[in-house]
Protein backbone atom coordinates (compact mmCIF):
# COMPACT_ATOMS: atom_id res chain seq x y z
CA MET A 1 -40.34 94.64 36.80
CA THR A 2 -43.89 95.46 38.00
CA THR A 3 -45.93 93.29 40.33
CA SER A 4 -48.49 92.54 37.62
CA ALA A 5 -45.74 91.28 35.26
CA LEU A 6 -44.35 88.92 37.91
CA HIS A 7 -47.84 87.63 38.60
CA SER A 8 -48.31 86.95 34.88
CA ILE A 9 -45.06 84.92 34.66
CA ALA A 10 -45.87 82.95 37.80
CA THR A 11 -49.26 82.09 36.40
CA THR A 12 -47.70 80.86 33.14
CA PHE A 13 -44.91 78.77 34.81
CA PRO A 14 -46.20 77.63 38.20
CA SER A 15 -43.86 74.58 38.42
CA PHE A 16 -40.75 76.76 38.16
CA PHE A 17 -41.67 78.84 41.19
CA SER A 18 -42.83 75.85 43.22
CA ASN A 19 -39.60 73.81 42.54
CA PRO A 20 -37.04 75.84 40.57
CA ALA A 21 -34.22 73.23 40.91
CA SER A 22 -36.21 70.44 39.31
CA SER A 23 -37.36 72.76 36.53
CA LEU A 24 -33.83 73.85 35.66
CA PHE A 25 -32.11 70.52 35.94
CA SER A 26 -34.79 68.10 34.79
CA PRO A 27 -34.00 65.87 31.80
CA ASN A 28 -36.09 68.11 29.55
CA PRO A 29 -35.46 71.77 30.50
CA THR A 30 -37.15 74.51 28.46
CA LEU A 31 -35.65 77.65 27.04
CA LEU A 32 -37.63 80.82 26.72
CA TYR A 33 -37.25 83.10 23.73
CA PRO A 34 -38.80 86.55 23.49
CA HIS A 35 -41.11 85.65 20.59
CA LEU A 36 -44.81 85.84 20.73
CA HIS A 37 -46.75 82.64 21.42
CA SER A 38 -50.42 82.25 20.75
CA HIS A 39 -51.23 81.63 24.44
CA SER A 40 -48.26 82.48 26.68
CA HIS A 41 -46.62 85.12 24.52
CA CYS A 42 -43.48 82.91 24.63
CA HIS A 43 -41.99 80.34 22.24
CA VAL A 44 -41.01 77.11 24.04
CA ILE A 45 -38.36 74.81 22.56
CA THR A 46 -37.89 71.38 24.14
CA LEU A 47 -34.44 69.76 23.96
CA PRO A 48 -34.43 66.04 23.02
CA ASN A 49 -33.57 63.45 25.65
CA LYS A 50 -29.97 62.30 25.68
CA ARG A 51 -29.71 58.59 24.99
CA ARG A 52 -28.55 56.70 28.02
CA THR A 53 -26.09 53.90 27.39
CA THR A 54 -25.12 51.07 29.67
CA PRO A 55 -21.42 51.05 30.55
CA MET A 56 -19.38 48.23 28.96
CA SER A 57 -18.58 46.88 32.39
CA GLN A 58 -22.28 46.28 33.01
CA HIS A 59 -22.83 44.19 29.84
CA THR A 60 -23.77 40.60 30.62
CA PRO A 61 -21.23 38.16 29.04
CA PRO A 62 -22.63 35.40 26.79
CA ARG A 63 -23.56 32.33 28.78
CA VAL A 64 -21.98 29.00 27.93
CA THR A 65 -24.73 26.47 28.32
CA SER A 66 -24.67 22.69 28.17
CA SER A 67 -26.65 22.80 24.95
CA SER A 68 -24.04 25.03 23.25
CA VAL A 69 -21.25 22.67 24.35
CA GLN A 70 -23.21 19.69 23.05
CA ASP A 71 -23.78 21.47 19.75
CA ALA A 72 -20.05 22.20 19.42
CA LEU A 73 -19.12 18.60 20.20
CA GLY A 74 -21.77 17.33 17.83
CA GLY A 75 -20.42 19.55 15.08
CA ALA A 76 -16.86 18.31 15.68
CA VAL A 77 -17.98 14.66 15.60
CA ALA A 78 -19.97 15.25 12.43
CA LEU A 79 -16.93 16.89 10.83
CA ILE A 80 -14.68 13.97 11.77
CA GLN A 81 -17.21 11.46 10.43
CA SER A 82 -17.75 13.35 7.19
CA SER A 83 -17.57 11.11 4.15
CA PRO A 84 -15.69 11.54 1.96
CA ALA A 85 -13.05 13.01 4.22
CA THR A 86 -12.10 16.67 3.85
CA TRP A 87 -8.93 18.53 4.74
CA ARG A 88 -10.73 20.07 7.73
CA SER A 89 -11.90 16.71 9.06
CA ALA A 90 -8.44 15.22 8.47
CA LEU A 91 -6.72 18.07 10.32
CA LEU A 92 -9.14 18.03 13.27
CA SER A 93 -8.97 14.24 13.59
CA ASN A 94 -5.19 14.22 13.62
CA VAL A 95 -4.99 17.02 16.18
CA LEU A 96 -7.26 15.08 18.55
CA ILE A 97 -5.54 11.73 17.97
CA PHE A 98 -2.03 13.12 18.30
CA LEU A 99 -2.92 14.93 21.53
CA LEU A 100 -4.45 11.80 23.04
CA GLY A 101 -1.72 9.50 21.73
CA TYR A 102 1.27 11.73 22.50
CA PRO A 103 2.74 9.37 25.16
CA ILE A 104 2.82 6.56 22.59
CA LEU A 105 4.17 8.79 19.84
CA VAL A 106 7.15 10.04 21.86
CA ALA A 107 8.12 6.43 22.58
CA GLY A 108 8.70 5.75 18.89
CA LEU A 109 9.37 9.16 17.33
CA SER A 110 11.51 12.22 17.91
CA LEU A 111 9.75 15.61 18.01
CA SER A 112 10.62 16.30 14.38
CA GLY A 113 9.51 12.76 13.59
CA ILE A 114 6.14 13.49 15.20
CA ALA A 115 5.76 16.54 12.95
CA ALA A 116 6.47 14.40 9.87
CA ALA A 117 4.04 11.76 11.15
CA PHE A 118 1.36 14.44 11.61
CA PHE A 119 1.70 15.35 7.94
CA LEU A 120 1.48 11.68 6.97
CA GLY A 121 -1.57 11.13 9.20
CA THR A 122 -3.42 14.16 7.84
CA LEU A 123 -2.68 13.16 4.25
CA THR A 124 -3.74 9.56 4.90
CA TRP A 125 -7.04 10.60 6.54
CA ARG A 126 -7.81 12.96 3.67
CA ALA A 127 -7.17 10.29 1.05
CA PHE A 128 -8.46 7.10 2.68
CA GLY A 129 -10.45 8.22 5.72
CA PRO A 130 -10.36 6.60 9.18
CA SER A 131 -9.69 3.11 7.76
CA GLY A 132 -6.47 4.20 6.06
CA PHE A 133 -5.39 6.06 9.18
CA LEU A 134 -5.99 2.98 11.31
CA LEU A 135 -3.85 0.93 8.95
CA VAL A 136 -0.93 3.34 9.35
CA ALA A 137 -1.46 3.47 13.13
CA THR A 138 -1.31 -0.34 13.27
CA TYR A 139 1.92 -0.27 11.27
CA PHE A 140 3.41 2.26 13.69
CA VAL A 141 2.44 0.37 16.86
CA ILE A 142 3.74 -3.00 15.64
CA GLY A 143 6.90 -1.53 14.15
CA THR A 144 7.69 0.42 17.33
CA ALA A 145 7.07 -2.64 19.50
CA ALA A 146 9.40 -4.77 17.36
CA THR A 147 12.10 -2.08 17.50
CA LYS A 148 11.97 -2.01 21.31
CA VAL A 149 12.41 -5.79 21.67
CA LYS A 150 15.67 -6.51 23.56
CA MET A 151 16.76 -2.91 23.12
CA ALA A 152 19.44 -3.13 25.83
CA GLN A 153 21.02 -6.10 24.08
CA LYS A 154 20.96 -4.32 20.72
CA VAL A 155 22.52 -1.21 22.22
CA ALA A 156 25.28 -3.27 23.87
CA GLN A 157 26.05 -4.96 20.54
CA GLY A 158 25.97 -1.67 18.66
CA ILE A 159 23.18 -2.76 16.30
CA ALA A 160 20.27 -0.74 17.73
CA GLU A 161 18.53 1.95 15.73
CA LYS A 162 19.60 5.55 16.38
CA ARG A 163 18.09 7.27 19.43
CA LYS A 164 17.14 3.82 20.78
CA GLY A 165 14.58 3.34 18.06
CA ARG A 166 12.97 6.78 18.12
CA ARG A 167 12.53 7.52 14.42
CA GLY A 168 13.30 10.92 12.99
CA PRO A 169 11.70 12.72 10.03
CA GLY A 170 14.04 11.02 7.56
CA SER A 171 12.89 7.60 8.68
CA VAL A 172 9.20 8.62 8.66
CA ILE A 173 9.40 10.10 5.18
CA GLY A 174 11.54 7.21 3.89
CA SER A 175 9.04 4.70 5.24
CA SER A 176 5.97 6.49 3.88
CA ALA A 177 7.13 8.08 0.62
CA ALA A 178 5.34 5.58 -1.61
CA GLY A 179 2.23 5.69 0.56
CA CYS A 180 2.16 9.50 0.27
CA VAL A 181 2.39 9.26 -3.53
CA PHE A 182 -0.60 6.91 -3.66
CA ALA A 183 -2.48 9.17 -1.26
CA PHE A 184 -2.00 12.15 -3.58
CA LEU A 185 -3.03 10.06 -6.58
CA THR A 186 -6.23 9.18 -4.73
CA ILE A 187 -6.98 12.73 -3.55
CA PHE A 188 -6.59 14.19 -7.04
CA GLN A 189 -8.47 11.24 -8.57
CA VAL A 190 -5.74 10.46 -11.08
CA GLY A 191 -7.08 7.89 -13.54
CA GLY A 192 -10.62 8.20 -12.20
CA GLU A 193 -12.63 5.31 -10.76
CA ALA A 194 -10.74 2.77 -12.89
CA PHE A 195 -7.53 3.35 -10.90
CA TYR A 196 -9.05 4.06 -7.48
CA GLN A 197 -8.64 0.50 -6.15
CA LEU A 198 -5.14 0.25 -7.63
CA TRP A 199 -4.00 3.29 -5.67
CA ARG A 200 -5.45 1.84 -2.46
CA LEU A 201 -3.68 -1.45 -3.16
CA GLY A 202 -0.37 0.33 -3.69
CA PHE A 203 -0.86 2.25 -0.44
CA VAL A 204 -1.52 -0.89 1.62
CA ALA A 205 1.29 -2.83 -0.07
CA SER A 206 3.82 -0.10 0.71
CA PHE A 207 3.18 -0.32 4.45
CA CYS A 208 3.02 -4.12 4.40
CA THR A 209 6.45 -4.07 2.78
CA LYS A 210 7.92 -1.63 5.29
CA LEU A 211 6.45 -3.39 8.33
CA SER A 212 7.75 -6.74 7.11
CA ASP A 213 11.21 -5.23 6.64
CA THR A 214 11.22 -3.59 10.09
CA VAL A 215 9.97 -6.66 11.97
CA SER A 216 12.28 -9.10 10.17
CA SER A 217 15.28 -6.87 10.87
CA GLU A 218 14.50 -6.15 14.52
CA ILE A 219 13.43 -9.69 15.45
CA GLY A 220 16.42 -11.08 13.57
CA LYS A 221 18.77 -8.84 15.55
CA ALA A 222 17.09 -9.88 18.80
CA TYR A 223 16.52 -13.61 18.29
CA GLY A 224 18.32 -14.69 15.12
CA LYS A 225 20.57 -17.63 15.97
CA THR A 226 22.37 -17.59 12.64
CA THR A 227 22.38 -14.74 10.10
CA TYR A 228 23.39 -15.21 6.49
CA LEU A 229 24.42 -12.72 3.84
CA VAL A 230 21.67 -12.98 1.26
CA THR A 231 24.03 -12.87 -1.74
CA THR A 232 26.54 -15.53 -0.66
CA PHE A 233 24.83 -17.28 2.31
CA LYS A 234 27.98 -16.62 4.28
CA ILE A 235 27.46 -16.48 8.04
CA VAL A 236 27.80 -12.88 9.23
CA PRO A 237 27.19 -11.04 12.54
CA ARG A 238 23.73 -9.81 13.44
CA GLY A 239 22.90 -6.37 12.12
CA THR A 240 25.02 -6.73 8.98
CA GLU A 241 23.43 -4.97 5.99
CA GLY A 242 21.90 -7.55 3.69
CA ALA A 243 21.89 -10.29 6.32
CA VAL A 244 18.83 -12.48 6.93
CA SER A 245 17.82 -15.04 9.52
CA ILE A 246 15.12 -17.68 9.67
CA GLU A 247 13.59 -16.16 12.81
CA GLY A 248 13.51 -12.67 11.36
CA THR A 249 12.18 -13.78 7.98
CA LEU A 250 9.27 -15.72 9.51
CA ALA A 251 8.42 -12.79 11.79
CA GLY A 252 8.46 -10.42 8.80
CA ILE A 253 6.12 -12.65 6.79
CA PHE A 254 3.71 -12.86 9.72
CA ALA A 255 3.78 -9.06 10.13
CA SER A 256 2.92 -8.47 6.47
CA ILE A 257 0.05 -10.99 6.68
CA LEU A 258 -1.26 -9.27 9.81
CA LEU A 259 -1.20 -5.77 8.32
CA ALA A 260 -2.69 -6.92 5.02
CA PHE A 261 -5.48 -8.60 6.98
CA VAL A 262 -6.12 -5.34 8.85
CA GLY A 263 -6.37 -3.61 5.46
CA PHE A 264 -8.90 -6.24 4.37
CA LEU A 265 -10.99 -5.79 7.55
CA MET A 266 -10.96 -2.03 7.04
CA GLY A 267 -12.18 -2.43 3.47
CA GLU A 268 -9.00 -1.03 1.93
CA VAL A 269 -8.26 -4.14 -0.17
CA SER A 270 -10.11 -7.25 -1.31
CA SER A 271 -9.30 -10.79 -0.19
CA HIS A 272 -7.16 -11.62 -3.21
CA ALA A 273 -5.46 -8.22 -2.99
CA THR A 274 -4.45 -9.16 0.56
CA ILE A 275 -2.46 -12.11 -0.84
CA ILE A 276 -0.90 -9.83 -3.45
CA CYS A 277 0.29 -7.44 -0.72
CA VAL A 278 2.02 -10.25 1.17
CA ILE A 279 3.74 -11.69 -1.93
CA ALA A 280 4.83 -8.27 -3.20
CA SER A 281 6.25 -7.31 0.21
CA GLN A 282 8.43 -10.41 0.36
CA ILE A 283 9.77 -9.93 -3.16
CA ALA A 284 10.59 -6.31 -2.35
CA ASN A 285 12.30 -7.25 0.92
CA LEU A 286 14.46 -9.77 -0.87
CA GLY A 287 15.47 -7.06 -3.32
CA GLU A 288 16.15 -4.66 -0.45
CA SER A 289 18.46 -7.22 1.20
CA ILE A 290 20.40 -7.64 -2.04
CA ILE A 291 20.76 -3.86 -2.44
CA GLY A 292 21.90 -3.59 1.18
CA ALA A 293 24.50 -6.34 0.78
CA VAL A 294 25.92 -5.13 -2.53
CA TYR A 295 25.55 -1.35 -2.62
CA GLN A 296 24.42 0.26 0.66
CA GLU A 297 27.01 2.80 1.86
CA LYS A 298 29.71 1.14 -0.21
CA GLU A 299 32.33 3.14 -2.09
CA GLY A 300 30.58 5.30 -4.65
CA PHE A 301 27.21 4.74 -2.98
CA GLN A 302 27.61 6.69 0.24
CA TRP A 303 24.33 8.46 -0.54
CA LEU A 304 22.54 5.11 -0.36
CA ASN A 305 21.82 5.20 3.37
CA ASN A 306 19.10 3.35 5.24
CA ASP A 307 16.41 5.95 4.51
CA ALA A 308 17.14 5.87 0.77
CA VAL A 309 17.01 2.06 0.76
CA ASN A 310 13.65 2.26 2.56
CA VAL A 311 12.24 4.43 -0.23
CA ILE A 312 13.44 1.93 -2.84
CA ASN A 313 12.09 -0.98 -0.83
CA ILE A 314 8.55 0.29 -0.31
CA SER A 315 8.39 1.62 -3.86
CA MET A 316 9.24 -1.84 -5.16
CA GLY A 317 6.61 -3.45 -2.94
CA SER A 318 3.81 -1.11 -4.02
CA ILE A 319 4.73 -1.15 -7.72
CA ILE A 320 4.99 -4.96 -7.77
CA ALA A 321 1.56 -5.20 -6.13
CA VAL A 322 -0.03 -2.85 -8.68
CA LEU A 323 1.56 -4.74 -11.58
CA MET A 324 0.41 -8.08 -10.20
CA GLN A 325 -3.15 -6.77 -9.87
CA GLN A 326 -3.07 -5.43 -13.42
CA ALA A 327 -1.77 -8.74 -14.72
CA LEU A 328 -4.57 -10.65 -12.97
CA GLN A 329 -7.18 -8.27 -14.35
CA SER A 330 -5.87 -8.78 -17.88
CA LEU A 331 -6.13 -12.54 -17.46
CA HIS A 332 -9.63 -12.31 -15.96
CA PRO A 333 -11.24 -9.13 -17.34
């Protein structure tokens, strides 16, 4: 190559000869092609810049701020307080309550019983909201407390409930079957507005009946001085199926009044419906005692265990309450 040719190239590309490394390895190197150019007799093609990306490890993680936590808590509270209740609000409420109340739950329920109670609680919240749930919670606390009264004495006499009073799923379902039916009737709006209050009345009456039965039985076994067979008034040992005592009967009546009053305070039933719940529960408990004395686990009725009798008992209490309310409405339309 002649000296004049080299001088021409150097004049055209001075930066290459002054710093050849930076010209070759800069982000935008140029390639020379032997085509004519209007000025430099060369055709210059510039390669596009390669897009630089930030490594994943250098990405800044999302910040959890106090405002985002407050928004999440506010959303959860709003969901729980939603009216009418939804399945989501019912599920979230029960998860929170069962987590916080687990020490109390395990005192009165087995693990499988807790699972059954969770279903009952979710269904109750969905149908009747927080007021209905509080009614069931009151029933559970009072019933568990009555079962634990003089437990050592009951165990020694062989009349204590199984697992020292810790209820299993059979007991939970047997005690709440009627209440669950009325909850479903409410959720699916069977009968419309005309039957809405009747379903609530049946729900409250079913738990008043069951609580009265539980308290009368447990207090009677703990403090009953004399127990009588309801069909013959023959004196029988404590814990005999179909046996009643004055102490237990009075305690059962008081328990039904207390729970019905809680239902009234929560707006579940009216004042006169409260009286109906108490009367219906006592009629049903009398019928339950007769069934227990005559049929329970007798020959040919081995299937009629305590859980089955519970279903019959609470069904009678709720149905009697609904029929009484209907009769009063027909007399005073």
